[in-house]
Each structure stands twice: as structure tokens, then as C-alpha cells.
Amino acid sequence: MGRGIIMTITGVFVFISASLAQDLIISPKKIIYRRDETIIQDPIIEDGDAAANDWEAVTVIYPHVKGLLDTLLAQKIEATLDRYYLQDSLGGTPLPYLELLARKGQGLHDYRINYNKNDFLDVTFHWKLILGHLYEEFHTFVIDLTTGERVKPSDVFMNTSGLVAKLKKMQKLEVKEKLALINEYPTCSFVKRELGGRFSTRNLTNFSISDLGITFIYDYNREHICANVYPTGKYFLTWGQAKPFIKPTGLFGNFIPSNTVNQQVSELNSNKPREDTR
């Protein structure tokens, strides 16, 4: 009977979990930041891109959360998106207009949804900075839709030293290929200085997920005129390849094949100190 109750409860949990992801809708809204006003367009109004011609305007296509019955959770998800998109990601403090203009630059900034199911939202923010020349930034992160919080490395990864070592090897191979390409573009020789950086544990905050695996992302400061000689900085591992580094009872545990999870949990339990029952 006990087992039947557990199976029923598990079934209810899975149903609720699945319905949450299905109800979440991300729709775009336009926010135009000007010196004296902030204009929010939801839904977006076709205005001939007048703001794009205003050099002082910072125009953002922002992901707006809809469809959740839990309004508090929806607000929390929006706050997390806001913290890493329109605010200072280091302190979570709203940026004044002039600082926003100085940091982000005039232009149209947007986002891309990479994954929105199984209680996870994976989003990439794209800033097109016009600071004398075109310069682009990409920031990707994953949100746990059951809490509205960003997924942290400590929530999902283990054996991080081994993971970083593996990613360094992948990065080294890609950099080697790009160094050979840079020699064909003398005007892009300055890029060589930027390729000395290597993956470290602090770079594990930037990753993207799919049903097939996880992509770790190393951010290079790409100058648009030499974009083709930069490494992609994207290193993909299938869930099978990533299994030695994924906590079996963590948030990404369900992505690992069940036999692998059972084996990892068993190994973790076997390493725990046993009580002396004598």
C-alpha cells in the first residue's frame, strides 16, 4: 500500500510539473529608454523604428512572462530576467538612463529562448552595442521554473575540477584552429591577445541546456569586424558525456539516463560514513 501511495504522489508531482512548463508563455515587449522617459510597448507597436534613429535611445525587446496562474512565481521569474538583462548583473541595482546608455549603447537589444520545458527556461540575451563601431555581447542562463531562480553551478555540477579540465582541452583545440586563421587576417592580429584566457570554475555559470545535452559557454569580447576569427566559445557535451559532472540528485539529475543516476546515487551512499551499530 505504501508503494502505491508513493507512486500516486509521484504521478501527481510529474503532472503538476509538466503543466507548469506548458503554461509558461514568453512574449516580447518593447521598452524604449530615453533621457526623459521610458516607453513600454506591450504588445509591440509598429512605429517605423523611430527610436532606432534616436542615437540617445536604448531599445530593448524584453521577454514578458505570461500564462502562469501563480502570479507570485511569474513575478519572481520576471525579476530574475530583469536582474540579468536590464539591470547591473553584479549587484542587481537598476541602472540610471545615462549609465545604461554608456554601458549598453544605442541599438536594438533582444533575446532568444533556447529551451522552455521540463521546468526550465533557457534564455540568451543579445546586446548590439553601437560605440563608434558595432560590438556584440551574448549572455545565456537557465532559470528553474519551480522557484523562479537562476540555476547555479552548485545546484547541478560536481567534480568541477574534472569538468573544467575537460572544457579546457576542448577550448585549446578550437583556439589552435582560430590562431591559424588569424594569420590570414593581419587587421585582426589584436584578437590573439584575447585568446589567452582559459576556462575556470567561474566560467561554469554560463551554460545552455537541451534534451540532448549541455553547452558550456566561454564569453569572448567580440569585435564585429573580426567576428569570424573568434572561437565560438561553445563546448557541447551530451548528457552521457556530462554524467561524471552532474549531481544525480541535483536539478539536472533527470536528464541523466536512469541507470546512470541509480549508479551514481549508490556510489554516493557507499561513500557516506556508516553508523557504528555495535
C-alpha atoms as a PDB file:
ATOM      1  CA  MET A   1       0.000   0.000   0.000  1.00  0.00           C
ATOM      2  CA  GLY A   2       2.851   2.344   0.889  1.00  0.00           C
ATOM      3  CA  ARG A   3       4.355   1.882  -2.538  1.00  0.00           C
ATOM      4  CA  GLY A   4       1.010   2.648  -4.189  1.00  0.00           C
ATOM      5  CA  ILE A   5       0.756   5.923  -2.280  1.00  0.00           C
ATOM      6  CA  ILE A   6       4.284   6.894  -3.278  1.00  0.00           C
ATOM      7  CA  MET A   7       3.561   6.112  -6.945  1.00  0.00           C
ATOM      8  CA  THR A   8       0.366   8.181  -6.831  1.00  0.00           C
ATOM      9  CA  ILE A   9       2.094  11.151  -5.249  1.00  0.00           C
ATOM     10  CA  THR A  10       4.921  10.907  -7.787  1.00  0.00           C
ATOM     11  CA  GLY A  11       2.415  10.823 -10.630  1.00  0.00           C
ATOM     12  CA  VAL A  12       0.674  13.943  -9.301  1.00  0.00           C
ATOM     13  CA  PHE A  13       4.031  15.741  -8.967  1.00  0.00           C
ATOM     14  CA  VAL A  14       5.011  14.899 -12.544  1.00  0.00           C
ATOM     15  CA  PHE A  15       1.639  16.092 -13.810  1.00  0.00           C
ATOM     16  CA  ILE A  16       1.871  19.392 -11.954  1.00  0.00           C
ATOM     17  CA  SER A  17       5.489  19.854 -13.028  1.00  0.00           C
ATOM     18  CA  ALA A  18       4.642  19.241 -16.704  1.00  0.00           C
ATOM     19  CA  SER A  19       1.629  21.545 -16.645  1.00  0.00           C
ATOM     20  CA  LEU A  20       3.742  24.367 -15.203  1.00  0.00           C
ATOM     21  CA  ALA A  21       6.145  24.289 -18.130  1.00  0.00           C
ATOM     22  CA  GLN A  22       3.280  24.086 -20.633  1.00  0.00           C
ATOM     23  CA  ASP A  23       1.512  27.116 -19.132  1.00  0.00           C
ATOM     24  CA  LEU A  24       4.547  29.396 -19.261  1.00  0.00           C
ATOM     25  CA  ILE A  25       4.448  31.698 -22.278  1.00  0.00           C
ATOM     26  CA  ILE A  26       7.215  34.164 -23.118  1.00  0.00           C
ATOM     27  CA  SER A  27       6.045  37.055 -25.277  1.00  0.00           C
ATOM     28  CA  PRO A  28       8.083  40.072 -26.407  1.00  0.00           C
ATOM     29  CA  LYS A  29       7.505  43.629 -25.271  1.00  0.00           C
ATOM     30  CA  LYS A  30       9.467  46.677 -26.374  1.00  0.00           C
ATOM     31  CA  ILE A  31      10.985  49.072 -23.839  1.00  0.00           C
ATOM     32  CA  ILE A  32      12.489  52.315 -25.134  1.00  0.00           C
ATOM     33  CA  TYR A  33      14.791  54.176 -22.755  1.00  0.00           C
ATOM     34  CA  ARG A  34      15.209  57.874 -23.481  1.00  0.00           C
ATOM     35  CA  ARG A  35      16.704  60.701 -21.480  1.00  0.00           C
ATOM     36  CA  ASP A  36      13.370  61.982 -20.177  1.00  0.00           C
ATOM     37  CA  GLU A  37      11.056  58.984 -20.467  1.00  0.00           C
ATOM     38  CA  THR A  38      10.715  55.217 -20.576  1.00  0.00           C
ATOM     39  CA  ILE A  39       8.201  53.816 -23.064  1.00  0.00           C
ATOM     40  CA  ILE A  40       6.820  50.311 -22.597  1.00  0.00           C
ATOM     41  CA  GLN A  41       5.078  48.705 -25.552  1.00  0.00           C
ATOM     42  CA  ASP A  42       3.145  45.510 -24.755  1.00  0.00           C
ATOM     43  CA  PRO A  43       2.096  44.460 -27.301  1.00  0.00           C
ATOM     44  CA  ILE A  44       4.735  45.943 -29.583  1.00  0.00           C
ATOM     45  CA  ILE A  45       3.542  48.809 -31.770  1.00  0.00           C
ATOM     46  CA  GLU A  46       4.916  49.125 -35.284  1.00  0.00           C
ATOM     47  CA  ASP A  47       6.260  52.684 -35.177  1.00  0.00           C
ATOM     48  CA  GLY A  48       8.661  52.612 -38.081  1.00  0.00           C
ATOM     49  CA  ASP A  49      11.590  52.118 -35.701  1.00  0.00           C
ATOM     50  CA  ALA A  50      11.604  55.804 -34.843  1.00  0.00           C
ATOM     51  CA  ALA A  51      13.516  55.032 -31.659  1.00  0.00           C
ATOM     52  CA  ALA A  52      16.245  53.282 -33.641  1.00  0.00           C
ATOM     53  CA  ASN A  53      17.026  56.606 -35.317  1.00  0.00           C
ATOM     54  CA  ASP A  54      17.368  58.358 -31.954  1.00  0.00           C
ATOM     55  CA  TRP A  55      21.049  57.991 -31.026  1.00  0.00           C
ATOM     56  CA  GLU A  56      20.223  58.574 -27.345  1.00  0.00           C
ATOM     57  CA  ALA A  57      17.650  55.782 -27.203  1.00  0.00           C
ATOM     58  CA  VAL A  58      18.331  52.357 -25.757  1.00  0.00           C
ATOM     59  CA  THR A  59      15.713  49.993 -27.212  1.00  0.00           C
ATOM     60  CA  VAL A  60      15.134  46.586 -25.670  1.00  0.00           C
ATOM     61  CA  ILE A  61      12.922  43.684 -26.736  1.00  0.00           C
ATOM     62  CA  TYR A  62      12.182  42.154 -23.374  1.00  0.00           C
ATOM     63  CA  PRO A  63      10.786  38.669 -22.543  1.00  0.00           C
ATOM     64  CA  HIS A  64       7.444  39.105 -20.784  1.00  0.00           C
ATOM     65  CA  VAL A  65       6.150  36.194 -18.683  1.00  0.00           C
ATOM     66  CA  LYS A  66       2.535  35.160 -19.242  1.00  0.00           C
ATOM     67  CA  GLY A  67       0.275  32.176 -18.684  1.00  0.00           C
ATOM     68  CA  LEU A  68       1.155  31.219 -15.100  1.00  0.00           C
ATOM     69  CA  LEU A  69      -1.673  31.006 -12.571  1.00  0.00           C
ATOM     70  CA  ASP A  70       0.842  31.541  -9.780  1.00  0.00           C
ATOM     71  CA  THR A  71       1.313  35.312 -10.084  1.00  0.00           C
ATOM     72  CA  LEU A  72       3.989  35.434  -7.381  1.00  0.00           C
ATOM     73  CA  LEU A  73       6.079  32.863  -9.264  1.00  0.00           C
ATOM     74  CA  ALA A  74       5.572  34.788 -12.517  1.00  0.00           C
ATOM     75  CA  GLN A  75       6.792  37.961 -10.818  1.00  0.00           C
ATOM     76  CA  LYS A  76       9.833  36.139  -9.464  1.00  0.00           C
ATOM     77  CA  ILE A  77      10.728  34.797 -12.914  1.00  0.00           C
ATOM     78  CA  GLU A  78      10.373  38.296 -14.376  1.00  0.00           C
ATOM     79  CA  ALA A  79      12.546  39.707 -11.584  1.00  0.00           C
ATOM     80  CA  THR A  80      15.265  37.159 -12.359  1.00  0.00           C
ATOM     81  CA  LEU A  81      15.124  38.011 -16.068  1.00  0.00           C
ATOM     82  CA  ASP A  82      15.236  41.702 -15.205  1.00  0.00           C
ATOM     83  CA  ARG A  83      18.213  41.265 -12.893  1.00  0.00           C
ATOM     84  CA  TYR A  84      20.368  39.797 -15.654  1.00  0.00           C
ATOM     85  CA  TYR A  85      19.051  41.791 -18.598  1.00  0.00           C
ATOM     86  CA  LEU A  86      18.137  45.367 -17.790  1.00  0.00           C
ATOM     87  CA  GLN A  87      19.989  45.780 -14.519  1.00  0.00           C
ATOM     88  CA  ASP A  88      23.543  45.519 -13.296  1.00  0.00           C
ATOM     89  CA  SER A  89      24.122  41.763 -13.179  1.00  0.00           C
ATOM     90  CA  LEU A  90      26.779  42.188 -10.483  1.00  0.00           C
ATOM     91  CA  GLY A  91      24.637  43.946  -7.920  1.00  0.00           C
ATOM     92  CA  GLY A  92      21.080  43.730  -9.213  1.00  0.00           C
ATOM     93  CA  THR A  93      20.808  47.532  -8.966  1.00  0.00           C
ATOM     94  CA  PRO A  94      18.685  49.317 -11.613  1.00  0.00           C
ATOM     95  CA  LEU A  95      20.884  51.325 -13.951  1.00  0.00           C
ATOM     96  CA  PRO A  96      20.177  55.059 -14.429  1.00  0.00           C
ATOM     97  CA  TYR A  97      19.477  56.039 -18.020  1.00  0.00           C
ATOM     98  CA  LEU A  98      22.865  57.636 -18.737  1.00  0.00           C
ATOM     99  CA  GLU A  99      24.737  54.658 -17.301  1.00  0.00           C
ATOM    100  CA  LEU A 100      22.520  52.287 -19.280  1.00  0.00           C
ATOM    101  CA  LEU A 101      23.330  54.263 -22.424  1.00  0.00           C
ATOM    102  CA  ALA A 102      27.050  54.251 -21.618  1.00  0.00           C
ATOM    103  CA  ARG A 103      27.203  50.521 -20.803  1.00  0.00           C
ATOM    104  CA  LYS A 104      24.760  49.091 -23.303  1.00  0.00           C
ATOM    105  CA  GLY A 105      24.914  51.636 -26.076  1.00  0.00           C
ATOM    106  CA  GLN A 106      22.303  52.797 -28.548  1.00  0.00           C
ATOM    107  CA  GLY A 107      20.775  49.999 -30.550  1.00  0.00           C
ATOM    108  CA  LEU A 108      18.183  47.249 -30.560  1.00  0.00           C
ATOM    109  CA  HIS A 109      18.796  44.578 -27.938  1.00  0.00           C
ATOM    110  CA  ASP A 110      16.854  41.334 -27.920  1.00  0.00           C
ATOM    111  CA  TYR A 111      16.698  37.769 -26.625  1.00  0.00           C
ATOM    112  CA  ARG A 112      16.280  34.169 -27.760  1.00  0.00           C
ATOM    113  CA  ILE A 113      14.511  31.339 -25.930  1.00  0.00           C
ATOM    114  CA  ASN A 114      16.604  28.180 -26.246  1.00  0.00           C
ATOM    115  CA  TYR A 115      14.585  25.830 -24.046  1.00  0.00           C
ATOM    116  CA  ASN A 116      11.237  26.088 -22.278  1.00  0.00           C
ATOM    117  CA  LYS A 117      10.073  22.771 -20.836  1.00  0.00           C
ATOM    118  CA  ASN A 118      10.694  20.287 -18.035  1.00  0.00           C
ATOM    119  CA  ASP A 119      10.518  23.208 -15.572  1.00  0.00           C
ATOM    120  CA  PHE A 120      13.496  25.035 -17.084  1.00  0.00           C
ATOM    121  CA  LEU A 121      13.726  28.241 -19.089  1.00  0.00           C
ATOM    122  CA  ASP A 122      16.959  28.755 -21.035  1.00  0.00           C
ATOM    123  CA  VAL A 123      17.380  32.233 -22.483  1.00  0.00           C
ATOM    124  CA  THR A 124      20.143  34.122 -24.322  1.00  0.00           C
ATOM    125  CA  PHE A 125      20.284  37.914 -24.143  1.00  0.00           C
ATOM    126  CA  HIS A 126      21.863  39.715 -27.087  1.00  0.00           C
ATOM    127  CA  TRP A 127      23.207  43.243 -26.778  1.00  0.00           C
ATOM    128  CA  LYS A 128      24.149  45.062 -30.002  1.00  0.00           C
ATOM    129  CA  LEU A 129      26.344  47.908 -28.821  1.00  0.00           C
ATOM    130  CA  ILE A 130      26.995  50.853 -31.082  1.00  0.00           C
ATOM    131  CA  LEU A 131      30.002  52.556 -29.506  1.00  0.00           C
ATOM    132  CA  GLY A 132      31.783  54.014 -32.508  1.00  0.00           C
ATOM    133  CA  HIS A 133      31.557  50.565 -34.113  1.00  0.00           C
ATOM    134  CA  LEU A 134      29.368  47.502 -33.766  1.00  0.00           C
ATOM    135  CA  TYR A 135      30.143  45.341 -30.745  1.00  0.00           C
ATOM    136  CA  GLU A 136      28.080  42.392 -29.529  1.00  0.00           C
ATOM    137  CA  GLU A 137      27.551  40.628 -26.211  1.00  0.00           C
ATOM    138  CA  PHE A 138      25.693  37.380 -25.527  1.00  0.00           C
ATOM    139  CA  HIS A 139      24.674  36.164 -22.078  1.00  0.00           C
ATOM    140  CA  THR A 140      22.942  32.816 -21.510  1.00  0.00           C
ATOM    141  CA  PHE A 141      21.470  31.401 -18.330  1.00  0.00           C
ATOM    142  CA  VAL A 142      18.897  28.889 -17.126  1.00  0.00           C
ATOM    143  CA  ILE A 143      16.006  29.541 -14.727  1.00  0.00           C
ATOM    144  CA  ASP A 144      14.411  26.901 -12.508  1.00  0.00           C
ATOM    145  CA  LEU A 145      10.711  27.471 -13.190  1.00  0.00           C
ATOM    146  CA  THR A 146       9.645  25.873  -9.906  1.00  0.00           C
ATOM    147  CA  THR A 147      11.394  28.605  -7.902  1.00  0.00           C
ATOM    148  CA  GLY A 148      11.980  31.427 -10.384  1.00  0.00           C
ATOM    149  CA  GLU A 149      15.697  31.455  -9.530  1.00  0.00           C
ATOM    150  CA  ARG A 150      18.700  31.201 -11.813  1.00  0.00           C
ATOM    151  CA  VAL A 151      20.309  27.737 -11.812  1.00  0.00           C
ATOM    152  CA  LYS A 152      23.741  27.989 -10.171  1.00  0.00           C
ATOM    153  CA  PRO A 153      26.702  25.668 -10.803  1.00  0.00           C
ATOM    154  CA  SER A 154      26.488  24.458  -7.195  1.00  0.00           C
ATOM    155  CA  ASP A 155      22.905  23.302  -7.887  1.00  0.00           C
ATOM    156  CA  VAL A 156      23.877  20.938 -10.677  1.00  0.00           C
ATOM    157  CA  PHE A 157      27.610  20.226 -11.009  1.00  0.00           C
ATOM    158  CA  MET A 158      30.072  18.051  -9.117  1.00  0.00           C
ATOM    159  CA  ASN A 159      33.745  17.206  -9.761  1.00  0.00           C
ATOM    160  CA  THR A 160      34.106  20.732 -11.153  1.00  0.00           C
ATOM    161  CA  SER A 161      37.899  20.456 -11.409  1.00  0.00           C
ATOM    162  CA  GLY A 162      37.482  17.487 -13.757  1.00  0.00           C
ATOM    163  CA  LEU A 163      34.809  19.329 -15.730  1.00  0.00           C
ATOM    164  CA  VAL A 164      36.979  22.429 -16.142  1.00  0.00           C
ATOM    165  CA  ALA A 165      39.921  20.277 -17.258  1.00  0.00           C
ATOM    166  CA  LYS A 166      37.759  18.652 -19.944  1.00  0.00           C
ATOM    167  CA  LEU A 167      36.462  22.011 -21.172  1.00  0.00           C
ATOM    168  CA  LYS A 168      39.987  23.466 -21.282  1.00  0.00           C
ATOM    169  CA  LYS A 169      41.046  20.688 -23.649  1.00  0.00           C
ATOM    170  CA  MET A 170      38.085  21.398 -25.938  1.00  0.00           C
ATOM    171  CA  GLN A 171      38.811  25.119 -25.824  1.00  0.00           C
ATOM    172  CA  LYS A 172      42.509  24.609 -26.578  1.00  0.00           C
ATOM    173  CA  LEU A 173      41.721  22.706 -29.778  1.00  0.00           C
ATOM    174  CA  GLU A 174      39.365  25.418 -31.017  1.00  0.00           C
ATOM    175  CA  VAL A 175      41.792  28.241 -30.190  1.00  0.00           C
ATOM    176  CA  LYS A 176      44.550  26.446 -32.101  1.00  0.00           C
ATOM    177  CA  GLU A 177      42.377  26.390 -35.227  1.00  0.00           C
ATOM    178  CA  LYS A 178      41.499  30.083 -34.890  1.00  0.00           C
ATOM    179  CA  LEU A 179      45.109  31.168 -34.377  1.00  0.00           C
ATOM    180  CA  ALA A 180      45.939  29.690 -37.764  1.00  0.00           C
ATOM    181  CA  LEU A 181      43.023  31.628 -39.289  1.00  0.00           C
ATOM    182  CA  ILE A 182      44.055  34.930 -37.663  1.00  0.00           C
ATOM    183  CA  ASN A 183      47.365  34.805 -39.549  1.00  0.00           C
ATOM    184  CA  GLU A 184      45.350  35.228 -42.752  1.00  0.00           C
ATOM    185  CA  TYR A 185      43.763  38.471 -41.452  1.00  0.00           C
ATOM    186  CA  PRO A 186      46.531  40.918 -40.381  1.00  0.00           C
ATOM    187  CA  THR A 187      43.991  43.566 -39.302  1.00  0.00           C
ATOM    188  CA  CYS A 188      42.667  41.107 -36.711  1.00  0.00           C
ATOM    189  CA  SER A 189      46.015  40.303 -35.110  1.00  0.00           C
ATOM    190  CA  PHE A 190      44.869  42.008 -31.883  1.00  0.00           C
ATOM    191  CA  VAL A 191      42.476  39.078 -31.326  1.00  0.00           C
ATOM    192  CA  LYS A 192      45.466  36.890 -30.388  1.00  0.00           C
ATOM    193  CA  ARG A 193      45.744  38.766 -27.072  1.00  0.00           C
ATOM    194  CA  GLU A 194      42.201  37.818 -26.189  1.00  0.00           C
ATOM    195  CA  LEU A 195      42.678  34.109 -26.814  1.00  0.00           C
ATOM    196  CA  GLY A 196      44.983  33.600 -23.841  1.00  0.00           C
ATOM    197  CA  GLY A 197      42.096  33.172 -21.415  1.00  0.00           C
ATOM    198  CA  ARG A 198      41.190  29.665 -20.322  1.00  0.00           C
ATOM    199  CA  PHE A 199      38.131  28.060 -18.783  1.00  0.00           C
ATOM    200  CA  SER A 200      37.972  28.251 -14.989  1.00  0.00           C
ATOM    201  CA  THR A 201      35.306  27.451 -12.408  1.00  0.00           C
ATOM    202  CA  ARG A 202      33.905  30.993 -12.644  1.00  0.00           C
ATOM    203  CA  ASN A 203      33.037  30.344 -16.309  1.00  0.00           C
ATOM    204  CA  LEU A 204      30.721  27.488 -15.313  1.00  0.00           C
ATOM    205  CA  THR A 205      27.904  29.977 -14.683  1.00  0.00           C
ATOM    206  CA  ASN A 206      27.296  30.352 -18.418  1.00  0.00           C
ATOM    207  CA  PHE A 207      25.654  27.273 -19.936  1.00  0.00           C
ATOM    208  CA  SER A 208      22.708  26.242 -22.089  1.00  0.00           C
ATOM    209  CA  ILE A 209      20.663  23.034 -21.986  1.00  0.00           C
ATOM    210  CA  SER A 210      18.664  20.892 -24.404  1.00  0.00           C
ATOM    211  CA  ASP A 211      17.174  17.409 -24.426  1.00  0.00           C
ATOM    212  CA  LEU A 212      20.429  16.180 -25.980  1.00  0.00           C
ATOM    213  CA  GLY A 213      22.980  17.716 -23.647  1.00  0.00           C
ATOM    214  CA  ILE A 214      24.569  20.822 -22.167  1.00  0.00           C
ATOM    215  CA  THR A 215      26.654  23.531 -23.832  1.00  0.00           C
ATOM    216  CA  PHE A 216      29.227  25.430 -21.781  1.00  0.00           C
ATOM    217  CA  ILE A 217      29.911  28.946 -22.999  1.00  0.00           C
ATOM    218  CA  TYR A 218      33.101  30.997 -22.743  1.00  0.00           C
ATOM    219  CA  ASP A 219      32.473  34.670 -23.491  1.00  0.00           C
ATOM    220  CA  TYR A 220      34.928  36.348 -25.826  1.00  0.00           C
ATOM    221  CA  ASN A 221      34.658  40.116 -26.281  1.00  0.00           C
ATOM    222  CA  ARG A 222      33.921  40.008 -29.984  1.00  0.00           C
ATOM    223  CA  GLU A 223      34.752  42.974 -32.185  1.00  0.00           C
ATOM    224  CA  HIS A 224      32.254  42.717 -35.036  1.00  0.00           C
ATOM    225  CA  ILE A 225      34.785  43.472 -37.782  1.00  0.00           C
ATOM    226  CA  CYS A 226      36.757  40.357 -36.794  1.00  0.00           C
ATOM    227  CA  ALA A 227      33.889  38.169 -35.603  1.00  0.00           C
ATOM    228  CA  ASN A 228      34.766  35.272 -37.904  1.00  0.00           C
ATOM    229  CA  VAL A 229      38.226  34.755 -36.389  1.00  0.00           C
ATOM    230  CA  TYR A 230      36.990  34.413 -32.801  1.00  0.00           C
ATOM    231  CA  PRO A 231      36.353  30.964 -31.342  1.00  0.00           C
ATOM    232  CA  THR A 232      32.691  30.137 -30.838  1.00  0.00           C
ATOM    233  CA  GLY A 233      33.398  29.558 -27.166  1.00  0.00           C
ATOM    234  CA  LYS A 234      30.656  26.896 -27.120  1.00  0.00           C
ATOM    235  CA  TYR A 235      31.544  23.413 -25.914  1.00  0.00           C
ATOM    236  CA  PHE A 236      28.840  20.763 -26.086  1.00  0.00           C
ATOM    237  CA  LEU A 237      28.614  17.591 -24.011  1.00  0.00           C
ATOM    238  CA  THR A 238      25.833  15.049 -24.370  1.00  0.00           C
ATOM    239  CA  TRP A 239      24.151  14.156 -21.096  1.00  0.00           C
ATOM    240  CA  GLY A 240      26.001  10.857 -21.286  1.00  0.00           C
ATOM    241  CA  GLN A 241      29.352  12.635 -21.626  1.00  0.00           C
ATOM    242  CA  ALA A 242      28.438  15.072 -18.855  1.00  0.00           C
ATOM    243  CA  LYS A 243      27.259  12.423 -16.373  1.00  0.00           C
ATOM    244  CA  PRO A 244      30.507  12.309 -14.315  1.00  0.00           C
ATOM    245  CA  PHE A 245      29.984  16.019 -13.579  1.00  0.00           C
ATOM    246  CA  ILE A 246      26.210  16.163 -12.967  1.00  0.00           C
ATOM    247  CA  LYS A 247      24.856  15.786  -9.439  1.00  0.00           C
ATOM    248  CA  PRO A 248      22.480  12.794  -9.659  1.00  0.00           C
ATOM    249  CA  THR A 249      20.117  14.325  -7.069  1.00  0.00           C
ATOM    250  CA  GLY A 250      20.547  17.875  -8.375  1.00  0.00           C
ATOM    251  CA  LEU A 251      18.302  19.879 -10.684  1.00  0.00           C
ATOM    252  CA  PHE A 252      19.690  18.254 -13.850  1.00  0.00           C
ATOM    253  CA  GLY A 253      19.602  14.711 -12.471  1.00  0.00           C
ATOM    254  CA  ASN A 254      16.540  13.812 -14.540  1.00  0.00           C
ATOM    255  CA  PHE A 255      18.455  14.485 -17.762  1.00  0.00           C
ATOM    256  CA  ILE A 256      20.856  11.651 -16.986  1.00  0.00           C
ATOM    257  CA  PRO A 257      19.718   8.122 -18.035  1.00  0.00           C
ATOM    258  CA  SER A 258      18.014   6.414 -15.077  1.00  0.00           C
ATOM    259  CA  ASN A 259      20.539   3.570 -14.807  1.00  0.00           C
ATOM    260  CA  THR A 260      23.335   6.128 -14.569  1.00  0.00           C
ATOM    261  CA  VAL A 261      21.536   8.085 -11.853  1.00  0.00           C
ATOM    262  CA  ASN A 262      20.915   4.941  -9.799  1.00  0.00           C
ATOM    263  CA  GLN A 263      24.586   4.009 -10.080  1.00  0.00           C
ATOM    264  CA  GLN A 264      25.749   7.487  -9.035  1.00  0.00           C
ATOM    265  CA  VAL A 265      23.358   7.639  -6.052  1.00  0.00           C
ATOM    266  CA  SER A 266      24.546   4.189  -4.976  1.00  0.00           C
ATOM    267  CA  GLU A 267      28.174   5.319  -5.173  1.00  0.00           C
ATOM    268  CA  LEU A 268      27.434   8.465  -3.169  1.00  0.00           C
ATOM    269  CA  ASN A 269      25.662   6.451  -0.478  1.00  0.00           C
ATOM    270  CA  SER A 270      28.502   3.925  -0.315  1.00  0.00           C
ATOM    271  CA  ASN A 271      30.950   6.757   0.364  1.00  0.00           C
ATOM    272  CA  LYS A 272      28.982   8.068   3.353  1.00  0.00           C
ATOM    273  CA  PRO A 273      30.372   7.146   6.798  1.00  0.00           C
ATOM    274  CA  ARG A 274      28.344   4.323   8.337  1.00  0.00           C
ATOM    275  CA  GLU A 275      26.974   4.388  11.858  1.00  0.00           C
ATOM    276  CA  ASP A 276      28.511   2.025  14.376  1.00  0.00           C
ATOM    277  CA  THR A 277      25.614  -0.229  15.446  1.00  0.00           C
ATOM    278  CA  ARG A 278      27.602  -2.235  17.916  1.00  0.00           C
END
